[in-house]
Amino acid sequence: MLLTIVTSKVEKVRLRNRERPHTVVEISPKEYDEFKVLSAVDCNVVLEKPLSELVGLVKRKEVRYHKDLPPEIFAKIKSAILASTLVADELKLLL
């Protein structure tokens, strides 16, 4: 399973990726009602985790489960990951 990290620290993500803004996907609460503030996905950071580990993280409340993203946002994230020069090709093939 591939995971990305979503953060409300949008300015930090923008600054960290100022040379590659096409790899940042911003998501507003209007686009995805699970979020209460503008949030960002740094698509240069993709983690591969087994499903069992993700289940454990949710059970321990270390991560929160959200409903599925709308297809158009998921497509933006996928495109940004594929555009990243920092994500391994092996992970891109899993998308």
PDB file of N, CA and C in Angstrom:
ATOM      1  N   MET A   1       0.846  -1.166   0.000  1.00  0.00           N
ATOM      2  CA  MET A   1       0.000   0.000   0.000  1.00  0.00           C
ATOM      3  C   MET A   1       0.896   1.235   0.000  1.00  0.00           C
ATOM      4  N   LEU A   2       0.536   2.213  -0.835  1.00  0.00           N
ATOM      5  CA  LEU A   2       1.281   3.460  -0.889  1.00  0.00           C
ATOM      6  C   LEU A   2       0.523   4.535  -0.135  1.00  0.00           C
ATOM      7  N   LEU A   3       1.259   5.337   0.606  1.00  0.00           N
ATOM      8  CA  LEU A   3       0.666   6.412   1.400  1.00  0.00           C
ATOM      9  C   LEU A   3       1.368   7.724   1.110  1.00  0.00           C
ATOM     10  N   THR A   4       0.611   8.797   1.191  1.00  0.00           N
ATOM     11  CA  THR A   4       1.185  10.135   1.174  1.00  0.00           C
ATOM     12  C   THR A   4       0.814  10.799   2.485  1.00  0.00           C
ATOM     13  N   ILE A   5       1.433  11.916   2.745  1.00  0.00           N
ATOM     14  CA  ILE A   5       1.174  12.634   3.982  1.00  0.00           C
ATOM     15  C   ILE A   5       0.470  13.943   3.643  1.00  0.00           C
ATOM     16  N   VAL A   6      -0.625  14.192   4.332  1.00  0.00           N
ATOM     17  CA  VAL A   6      -1.379  15.425   4.149  1.00  0.00           C
ATOM     18  C   VAL A   6      -1.127  16.306   5.362  1.00  0.00           C
ATOM     19  N   THR A   7      -0.884  17.580   5.112  1.00  0.00           N
ATOM     20  CA  THR A   7      -0.612  18.501   6.205  1.00  0.00           C
ATOM     21  C   THR A   7      -1.357  19.813   6.004  1.00  0.00           C
ATOM     22  N   SER A   8      -1.645  20.474   7.102  1.00  0.00           N
ATOM     23  CA  SER A   8      -2.241  21.810   7.029  1.00  0.00           C
ATOM     24  C   SER A   8      -1.145  22.882   6.995  1.00  0.00           C
ATOM     25  N   LYS A   9       0.104  22.478   7.073  1.00  0.00           N
ATOM     26  CA  LYS A   9       1.238  23.420   7.024  1.00  0.00           C
ATOM     27  C   LYS A   9       1.621  23.667   5.565  1.00  0.00           C
ATOM     28  N   VAL A  10       0.668  24.264   4.842  1.00  0.00           N
ATOM     29  CA  VAL A  10       0.787  24.453   3.398  1.00  0.00           C
ATOM     30  C   VAL A  10       2.007  25.297   3.035  1.00  0.00           C
ATOM     31  N   GLU A  11       2.254  26.364   3.778  1.00  0.00           N
ATOM     32  CA  GLU A  11       3.398  27.237   3.465  1.00  0.00           C
ATOM     33  C   GLU A  11       4.724  26.486   3.546  1.00  0.00           C
ATOM     34  N   LYS A  12       4.861  25.599   4.528  1.00  0.00           N
ATOM     35  CA  LYS A  12       6.095  24.816   4.651  1.00  0.00           C
ATOM     36  C   LYS A  12       6.289  23.902   3.449  1.00  0.00           C
ATOM     37  N   VAL A  13       5.190  23.290   2.988  1.00  0.00           N
ATOM     38  CA  VAL A  13       5.269  22.402   1.823  1.00  0.00           C
ATOM     39  C   VAL A  13       5.615  23.212   0.583  1.00  0.00           C
ATOM     40  N   ARG A  14       4.995  24.375   0.422  1.00  0.00           N
ATOM     41  CA  ARG A  14       5.307  25.250  -0.719  1.00  0.00           C
ATOM     42  C   ARG A  14       6.782  25.652  -0.705  1.00  0.00           C
ATOM     43  N   LEU A  15       7.268  26.059   0.467  1.00  0.00           N
ATOM     44  CA  LEU A  15       8.659  26.499   0.589  1.00  0.00           C
ATOM     45  C   LEU A  15       9.623  25.348   0.295  1.00  0.00           C
ATOM     46  N   ARG A  16       9.363  24.201   0.874  1.00  0.00           N
ATOM     47  CA  ARG A  16      10.229  23.034   0.683  1.00  0.00           C
ATOM     48  C   ARG A  16      10.281  22.614  -0.795  1.00  0.00           C
ATOM     49  N   ASN A  17       9.215  22.865  -1.512  1.00  0.00           N
ATOM     50  CA  ASN A  17       9.127  22.439  -2.907  1.00  0.00           C
ATOM     51  C   ASN A  17       9.076  23.611  -3.882  1.00  0.00           C
ATOM     52  N   ARG A  18       9.670  24.719  -3.507  1.00  0.00           N
ATOM     53  CA  ARG A  18       9.602  25.918  -4.352  1.00  0.00           C
ATOM     54  C   ARG A  18      10.214  25.701  -5.737  1.00  0.00           C
ATOM     55  N   GLU A  19      11.136  24.738  -5.852  1.00  0.00           N
ATOM     56  CA  GLU A  19      11.750  24.428  -7.150  1.00  0.00           C
ATOM     57  C   GLU A  19      10.933  23.415  -7.946  1.00  0.00           C
ATOM     58  N   ARG A  20       9.943  22.827  -7.315  1.00  0.00           N
ATOM     59  CA  ARG A  20       9.109  21.809  -7.975  1.00  0.00           C
ATOM     60  C   ARG A  20       7.645  21.924  -7.518  1.00  0.00           C
ATOM     61  N   PRO A  21       7.036  23.091  -7.765  1.00  0.00           N
ATOM     62  CA  PRO A  21       5.657  23.319  -7.297  1.00  0.00           C
ATOM     63  C   PRO A  21       4.643  22.370  -7.928  1.00  0.00           C
ATOM     64  N   HIS A  22       4.971  21.788  -9.061  1.00  0.00           N
ATOM     65  CA  HIS A  22       4.060  20.851  -9.734  1.00  0.00           C
ATOM     66  C   HIS A  22       3.914  19.531  -8.980  1.00  0.00           C
ATOM     67  N   THR A  23       4.700  19.352  -7.915  1.00  0.00           N
ATOM     68  CA  THR A  23       4.613  18.125  -7.123  1.00  0.00           C
ATOM     69  C   THR A  23       3.879  18.339  -5.798  1.00  0.00           C
ATOM     70  N   VAL A  24       3.230  19.483  -5.666  1.00  0.00           N
ATOM     71  CA  VAL A  24       2.435  19.784  -4.468  1.00  0.00           C
ATOM     72  C   VAL A  24       0.973  19.896  -4.888  1.00  0.00           C
ATOM     73  N   VAL A  25       0.115  19.185  -4.174  1.00  0.00           N
ATOM     74  CA  VAL A  25      -1.321  19.256  -4.443  1.00  0.00           C
ATOM     75  C   VAL A  25      -1.994  19.862  -3.212  1.00  0.00           C
ATOM     76  N   GLU A  26      -2.638  20.997  -3.427  1.00  0.00           N
ATOM     77  CA  GLU A  26      -3.372  21.655  -2.349  1.00  0.00           C
ATOM     78  C   GLU A  26      -4.842  21.265  -2.450  1.00  0.00           C
ATOM     79  N   ILE A  27      -5.431  21.030  -1.284  1.00  0.00           N
ATOM     80  CA  ILE A  27      -6.823  20.580  -1.225  1.00  0.00           C
ATOM     81  C   ILE A  27      -7.580  21.471  -0.244  1.00  0.00           C
ATOM     82  N   SER A  28      -8.623  22.101  -0.737  1.00  0.00           N
ATOM     83  CA  SER A  28      -9.420  22.991   0.123  1.00  0.00           C
ATOM     84  C   SER A  28     -10.585  22.202   0.744  1.00  0.00           C
ATOM     85  N   PRO A  29     -11.122  22.714   1.847  1.00  0.00           N
ATOM     86  CA  PRO A  29     -12.303  22.078   2.448  1.00  0.00           C
ATOM     87  C   PRO A  29     -13.491  22.038   1.479  1.00  0.00           C
ATOM     88  N   LYS A  30     -13.536  22.969   0.560  1.00  0.00           N
ATOM     89  CA  LYS A  30     -14.622  22.995  -0.428  1.00  0.00           C
ATOM     90  C   LYS A  30     -14.499  21.799  -1.385  1.00  0.00           C
ATOM     91  N   GLU A  31     -13.253  21.392  -1.684  1.00  0.00           N
ATOM     92  CA  GLU A  31     -13.021  20.259  -2.583  1.00  0.00           C
ATOM     93  C   GLU A  31     -13.206  18.914  -1.876  1.00  0.00           C
ATOM     94  N   TYR A  32     -12.905  18.898  -0.564  1.00  0.00           N
ATOM     95  CA  TYR A  32     -12.936  17.649   0.210  1.00  0.00           C
ATOM     96  C   TYR A  32     -13.377  17.991   1.616  1.00  0.00           C
ATOM     97  N   ASP A  33     -14.619  17.685   1.940  1.00  0.00           N
ATOM     98  CA  ASP A  33     -15.214  18.159   3.196  1.00  0.00           C
ATOM     99  C   ASP A  33     -14.691  17.495   4.466  1.00  0.00           C
ATOM    100  N   GLU A  34     -13.805  16.529   4.336  1.00  0.00           N
ATOM    101  CA  GLU A  34     -13.177  15.945   5.531  1.00  0.00           C
ATOM    102  C   GLU A  34     -12.166  16.930   6.140  1.00  0.00           C
ATOM    103  N   PHE A  35     -11.671  17.851   5.309  1.00  0.00           N
ATOM    104  CA  PHE A  35     -10.684  18.826   5.773  1.00  0.00           C
ATOM    105  C   PHE A  35     -11.377  20.106   6.199  1.00  0.00           C
ATOM    106  N   LYS A  36     -10.898  20.690   7.297  1.00  0.00           N
ATOM    107  CA  LYS A  36     -11.469  21.936   7.800  1.00  0.00           C
ATOM    108  C   LYS A  36     -10.663  23.157   7.370  1.00  0.00           C
ATOM    109  N   VAL A  37      -9.428  22.941   6.923  1.00  0.00           N
ATOM    110  CA  VAL A  37      -8.550  24.027   6.479  1.00  0.00           C
ATOM    111  C   VAL A  37      -7.848  23.591   5.193  1.00  0.00           C
ATOM    112  N   LEU A  38      -7.282  24.568   4.492  1.00  0.00           N
ATOM    113  CA  LEU A  38      -6.496  24.261   3.311  1.00  0.00           C
ATOM    114  C   LEU A  38      -5.373  23.309   3.708  1.00  0.00           C
ATOM    115  N   SER A  39      -5.188  22.257   2.940  1.00  0.00           N
ATOM    116  CA  SER A  39      -4.168  21.247   3.246  1.00  0.00           C
ATOM    117  C   SER A  39      -3.368  20.961   1.983  1.00  0.00           C
ATOM    118  N   ALA A  40      -2.222  20.324   2.159  1.00  0.00           N
ATOM    119  CA  ALA A  40      -1.353  20.033   1.021  1.00  0.00           C
ATOM    120  C   ALA A  40      -0.783  18.633   1.123  1.00  0.00           C
ATOM    121  N   VAL A  41      -0.553  18.044  -0.059  1.00  0.00           N
ATOM    122  CA  VAL A  41       0.121  16.762  -0.167  1.00  0.00           C
ATOM    123  C   VAL A  41       1.448  17.029  -0.860  1.00  0.00           C
ATOM    124  N   ASP A  42       2.544  16.677  -0.203  1.00  0.00           N
ATOM    125  CA  ASP A  42       3.868  16.750  -0.819  1.00  0.00           C
ATOM    126  C   ASP A  42       4.063  15.434  -1.559  1.00  0.00           C
ATOM    127  N   CYS A  43       3.894  15.464  -2.863  1.00  0.00           N
ATOM    128  CA  CYS A  43       3.922  14.237  -3.658  1.00  0.00           C
ATOM    129  C   CYS A  43       5.339  13.753  -3.947  1.00  0.00           C
ATOM    130  N   ASN A  44       6.311  14.342  -3.269  1.00  0.00           N
ATOM    131  CA  ASN A  44       7.691  13.864  -3.327  1.00  0.00           C
ATOM    132  C   ASN A  44       7.961  12.866  -2.208  1.00  0.00           C
ATOM    133  N   VAL A  45       7.003  12.723  -1.305  1.00  0.00           N
ATOM    134  CA  VAL A  45       7.133  11.819  -0.172  1.00  0.00           C
ATOM    135  C   VAL A  45       6.037  10.762  -0.289  1.00  0.00           C
ATOM    136  N   VAL A  46       6.439   9.561  -0.675  1.00  0.00           N
ATOM    137  CA  VAL A  46       5.501   8.444  -0.814  1.00  0.00           C
ATOM    138  C   VAL A  46       6.052   7.290   0.016  1.00  0.00           C
ATOM    139  N   LEU A  47       5.223   6.759   0.876  1.00  0.00           N
ATOM    140  CA  LEU A  47       5.636   5.684   1.769  1.00  0.00           C
ATOM    141  C   LEU A  47       4.964   4.381   1.351  1.00  0.00           C
ATOM    142  N   GLU A  48       5.708   3.309   1.384  1.00  0.00           N
ATOM    143  CA  GLU A  48       5.134   1.995   1.107  1.00  0.00           C
ATOM    144  C   GLU A  48       4.994   1.268   2.434  1.00  0.00           C
ATOM    145  N   LYS A  49       3.769   0.887   2.760  1.00  0.00           N
ATOM    146  CA  LYS A  49       3.483   0.213   4.037  1.00  0.00           C
ATOM    147  C   LYS A  49       2.591  -0.990   3.783  1.00  0.00           C
ATOM    148  N   PRO A  50       2.813  -2.075   4.516  1.00  0.00           N
ATOM    149  CA  PRO A  50       1.872  -3.197   4.416  1.00  0.00           C
ATOM    150  C   PRO A  50       0.536  -2.806   5.047  1.00  0.00           C
ATOM    151  N   LEU A  51      -0.534  -3.372   4.549  1.00  0.00           N
ATOM    152  CA  LEU A  51      -1.865  -3.070   5.059  1.00  0.00           C
ATOM    153  C   LEU A  51      -1.953  -3.336   6.562  1.00  0.00           C
ATOM    154  N   SER A  52      -1.317  -4.391   7.026  1.00  0.00           N
ATOM    155  CA  SER A  52      -1.367  -4.726   8.455  1.00  0.00           C
ATOM    156  C   SER A  52      -0.769  -3.608   9.313  1.00  0.00           C
ATOM    157  N   GLU A  53       0.275  -2.971   8.810  1.00  0.00           N
ATOM    158  CA  GLU A  53       0.881  -1.866   9.561  1.00  0.00           C
ATOM    159  C   GLU A  53      -0.055  -0.664   9.597  1.00  0.00           C
ATOM    160  N   LEU A  54      -0.722  -0.395   8.497  1.00  0.00           N
ATOM    161  CA  LEU A  54      -1.678   0.709   8.455  1.00  0.00           C
ATOM    162  C   LEU A  54      -2.826   0.464   9.431  1.00  0.00           C
ATOM    163  N   VAL A  55      -3.327  -0.755   9.485  1.00  0.00           N
ATOM    164  CA  VAL A  55      -4.392  -1.105  10.424  1.00  0.00           C
ATOM    165  C   VAL A  55      -3.934  -0.831  11.856  1.00  0.00           C
ATOM    166  N   GLY A  56      -2.708  -1.207  12.172  1.00  0.00           N
ATOM    167  CA  GLY A  56      -2.167  -0.956  13.506  1.00  0.00           C
ATOM    168  C   GLY A  56      -2.073   0.529  13.831  1.00  0.00           C
ATOM    169  N   LEU A  57      -1.648   1.325  12.858  1.00  0.00           N
ATOM    170  CA  LEU A  57      -1.560   2.778  13.062  1.00  0.00           C
ATOM    171  C   LEU A  57      -2.931   3.377  13.343  1.00  0.00           C
ATOM    172  N   VAL A  58      -3.940   2.920  12.631  1.00  0.00           N
ATOM    173  CA  VAL A  58      -5.307   3.421  12.840  1.00  0.00           C
ATOM    174  C   VAL A  58      -5.804   2.995  14.217  1.00  0.00           C
ATOM    175  N   LYS A  59      -5.586   1.733  14.576  1.00  0.00           N
ATOM    176  CA  LYS A  59      -6.044   1.239  15.882  1.00  0.00           C
ATOM    177  C   LYS A  59      -5.405   2.006  17.037  1.00  0.00           C
ATOM    178  N   ARG A  60      -4.126   2.368  16.877  1.00  0.00           N
ATOM    179  CA  ARG A  60      -3.409   3.110  17.921  1.00  0.00           C
ATOM    180  C   ARG A  60      -3.670   4.618  17.825  1.00  0.00           C
ATOM    181  N   LYS A  61      -4.506   5.007  16.866  1.00  0.00           N
ATOM    182  CA  LYS A  61      -4.869   6.410  16.642  1.00  0.00           C
ATOM    183  C   LYS A  61      -3.662   7.276  16.317  1.00  0.00           C
ATOM    184  N   GLU A  62      -2.676   6.672  15.650  1.00  0.00           N
ATOM    185  CA  GLU A  62      -1.514   7.424  15.192  1.00  0.00           C
ATOM    186  C   GLU A  62      -1.787   8.078  13.844  1.00  0.00           C
ATOM    187  N   VAL A  63      -2.738   7.528  13.118  1.00  0.00           N
ATOM    188  CA  VAL A  63      -3.221   8.135  11.882  1.00  0.00           C
ATOM    189  C   VAL A  63      -4.743   8.052  11.903  1.00  0.00           C
ATOM    190  N   ARG A  64      -5.358   8.952  11.147  1.00  0.00           N
ATOM    191  CA  ARG A  64      -6.814   8.955  11.069  1.00  0.00           C
ATOM    192  C   ARG A  64      -7.246   8.455   9.707  1.00  0.00           C
ATOM    193  N   TYR A  65      -8.343   7.761   9.697  1.00  0.00           N
ATOM    194  CA  TYR A  65      -8.920   7.303   8.447  1.00  0.00           C
ATOM    195  C   TYR A  65      -9.883   8.374   7.939  1.00  0.00           C
ATOM    196  N   HIS A  66      -9.813   8.659   6.656  1.00  0.00           N
ATOM    197  CA  HIS A  66     -10.745   9.586   6.007  1.00  0.00           C
ATOM    198  C   HIS A  66     -11.414   8.859   4.853  1.00  0.00           C
ATOM    199  N   LYS A  67     -12.584   9.338   4.486  1.00  0.00           N
ATOM    200  CA  LYS A  67     -13.256   8.743   3.328  1.00  0.00           C
ATOM    201  C   LYS A  67     -12.394   8.961   2.083  1.00  0.00           C
ATOM    202  N   ASP A  68     -12.661   8.178   1.055  1.00  0.00           N
ATOM    203  CA  ASP A  68     -11.890   8.256  -0.175  1.00  0.00           C
ATOM    204  C   ASP A  68     -11.925   9.658  -0.770  1.00  0.00           C
ATOM    205  N   LEU A  69     -10.814  10.023  -1.379  1.00  0.00           N
ATOM    206  CA  LEU A  69     -10.740  11.301  -2.076  1.00  0.00           C
ATOM    207  C   LEU A  69     -11.594  11.262  -3.333  1.00  0.00           C
ATOM    208  N   PRO A  70     -12.118  12.401  -3.735  1.00  0.00           N
ATOM    209  CA  PRO A  70     -12.802  12.449  -5.025  1.00  0.00           C
ATOM    210  C   PRO A  70     -11.817  12.072  -6.140  1.00  0.00           C
ATOM    211  N   PRO A  71     -12.296  11.432  -7.201  1.00  0.00           N
ATOM    212  CA  PRO A  71     -11.405  10.969  -8.274  1.00  0.00           C
ATOM    213  C   PRO A  71     -10.525  12.066  -8.874  1.00  0.00           C
ATOM    214  N   GLU A  72     -11.041  13.288  -8.978  1.00  0.00           N
ATOM    215  CA  GLU A  72     -10.232  14.350  -9.582  1.00  0.00           C
ATOM    216  C   GLU A  72      -9.047  14.742  -8.697  1.00  0.00           C
ATOM    217  N   ILE A  73      -9.206  14.706  -7.389  1.00  0.00           N
ATOM    218  CA  ILE A  73      -8.087  15.006  -6.486  1.00  0.00           C
ATOM    219  C   ILE A  73      -7.087  13.852  -6.510  1.00  0.00           C
ATOM    220  N   PHE A  74      -7.593  12.631  -6.484  1.00  0.00           N
ATOM    221  CA  PHE A  74      -6.707  11.466  -6.564  1.00  0.00           C
ATOM    222  C   PHE A  74      -5.880  11.530  -7.855  1.00  0.00           C
ATOM    223  N   ALA A  75      -6.496  11.915  -8.960  1.00  0.00           N
ATOM    224  CA  ALA A  75      -5.785  12.016 -10.237  1.00  0.00           C
ATOM    225  C   ALA A  75      -4.685  13.075 -10.176  1.00  0.00           C
ATOM    226  N   LYS A  76      -4.947  14.196  -9.504  1.00  0.00           N
ATOM    227  CA  LYS A  76      -3.927  15.243  -9.346  1.00  0.00           C
ATOM    228  C   LYS A  76      -2.737  14.715  -8.543  1.00  0.00           C
ATOM    229  N   ILE A  77      -3.030  13.986  -7.465  1.00  0.00           N
ATOM    230  CA  ILE A  77      -1.957  13.436  -6.628  1.00  0.00           C
ATOM    231  C   ILE A  77      -1.148  12.424  -7.421  1.00  0.00           C
ATOM    232  N   LYS A  78      -1.818  11.561  -8.143  1.00  0.00           N
ATOM    233  CA  LYS A  78      -1.120  10.563  -8.957  1.00  0.00           C
ATOM    234  C   LYS A  78      -0.213  11.239  -9.981  1.00  0.00           C
ATOM    235  N   SER A  79      -0.713  12.244 -10.664  1.00  0.00           N
ATOM    236  CA  SER A  79       0.086  12.969 -11.660  1.00  0.00           C
ATOM    237  C   SER A  79       1.296  13.643 -11.031  1.00  0.00           C
ATOM    238  N   ALA A  80       1.095  14.227  -9.859  1.00  0.00           N
ATOM    239  CA  ALA A  80       2.197  14.907  -9.170  1.00  0.00           C
ATOM    240  C   ALA A  80       3.264  13.912  -8.709  1.00  0.00           C
ATOM    241  N   ILE A  81       2.839  12.736  -8.253  1.00  0.00           N
ATOM    242  CA  ILE A  81       3.806  11.705  -7.861  1.00  0.00           C
ATOM    243  C   ILE A  81       4.592  11.255  -9.084  1.00  0.00           C
ATOM    244  N   LEU A  82       3.912  11.026 -10.187  1.00  0.00           N
ATOM    245  CA  LEU A  82       4.592  10.592 -11.411  1.00  0.00           C
ATOM    246  C   LEU A  82       5.562  11.660 -11.919  1.00  0.00           C
ATOM    247  N   ALA A  83       5.270  12.929 -11.651  1.00  0.00           N
ATOM    248  CA  ALA A  83       6.138  14.028 -12.079  1.00  0.00           C
ATOM    249  C   ALA A  83       7.347  14.226 -11.164  1.00  0.00           C
ATOM    250  N   SER A  84       7.308  13.643  -9.986  1.00  0.00           N
ATOM    251  CA  SER A  84       8.389  13.824  -9.011  1.00  0.00           C
ATOM    252  C   SER A  84       9.653  13.083  -9.430  1.00  0.00           C
ATOM    253  N   THR A  85      10.771  13.784  -9.325  1.00  0.00           N
ATOM    254  CA  THR A  85      12.068  13.137  -9.570  1.00  0.00           C
ATOM    255  C   THR A  85      12.607  12.499  -8.298  1.00  0.00           C
ATOM    256  N   LEU A  86      11.921  12.704  -7.180  1.00  0.00           N
ATOM    257  CA  LEU A  86      12.386  12.170  -5.896  1.00  0.00           C
ATOM    258  C   LEU A  86      11.749  10.831  -5.527  1.00  0.00           C
ATOM    259  N   VAL A  87      10.652  10.486  -6.179  1.00  0.00           N
ATOM    260  CA  VAL A  87       9.971   9.221  -5.888  1.00  0.00           C
ATOM    261  C   VAL A  87      10.576   8.129  -6.766  1.00  0.00           C
ATOM    262  N   ALA A  88      10.886   6.996  -6.150  1.00  0.00           N
ATOM    263  CA  ALA A  88      11.497   5.874  -6.870  1.00  0.00           C
ATOM    264  C   ALA A  88      10.564   5.343  -7.958  1.00  0.00           C
ATOM    265  N   ASP A  89      11.150   4.992  -9.067  1.00  0.00           N
ATOM    266  CA  ASP A  89      10.366   4.426 -10.190  1.00  0.00           C
ATOM    267  C   ASP A  89       9.590   3.195  -9.764  1.00  0.00           C
ATOM    268  N   GLU A  90      10.139   2.392  -8.860  1.00  0.00           N
ATOM    269  CA  GLU A  90       9.463   1.189  -8.401  1.00  0.00           C
ATOM    270  C   GLU A  90       8.130   1.523  -7.724  1.00  0.00           C
ATOM    271  N   LEU A  91       8.108   2.636  -6.997  1.00  0.00           N
ATOM    272  CA  LEU A  91       6.869   3.058  -6.350  1.00  0.00           C
ATOM    273  C   LEU A  91       5.891   3.629  -7.371  1.00  0.00           C
ATOM    274  N   LYS A  92       6.394   4.353  -8.344  1.00  0.00           N
ATOM    275  CA  LYS A  92       5.530   4.913  -9.384  1.00  0.00           C
ATOM    276  C   LYS A  92       4.820   3.791 -10.155  1.00  0.00           C
ATOM    277  N   LEU A  93       5.502   2.683 -10.354  1.00  0.00           N
ATOM    278  CA  LEU A  93       4.897   1.555 -11.074  1.00  0.00           C
ATOM    279  C   LEU A  93       3.724   0.956 -10.319  1.00  0.00           C
ATOM    280  N   LEU A  94       3.660   1.165  -9.017  1.00  0.00           N
ATOM    281  CA  LEU A  94       2.576   0.611  -8.197  1.00  0.00           C
ATOM    282  C   LEU A  94       1.300   1.446  -8.249  1.00  0.00           C
ATOM    283  N   LEU A  95       1.390   2.624  -8.823  1.00  0.00           N
ATOM    284  CA  LEU A  95       0.211   3.512  -8.876  1.00  0.00           C
ATOM    285  C   LEU A  95      -0.824   3.000  -9.848  1.00  0.00           C
TER     286      LEU A  95
END
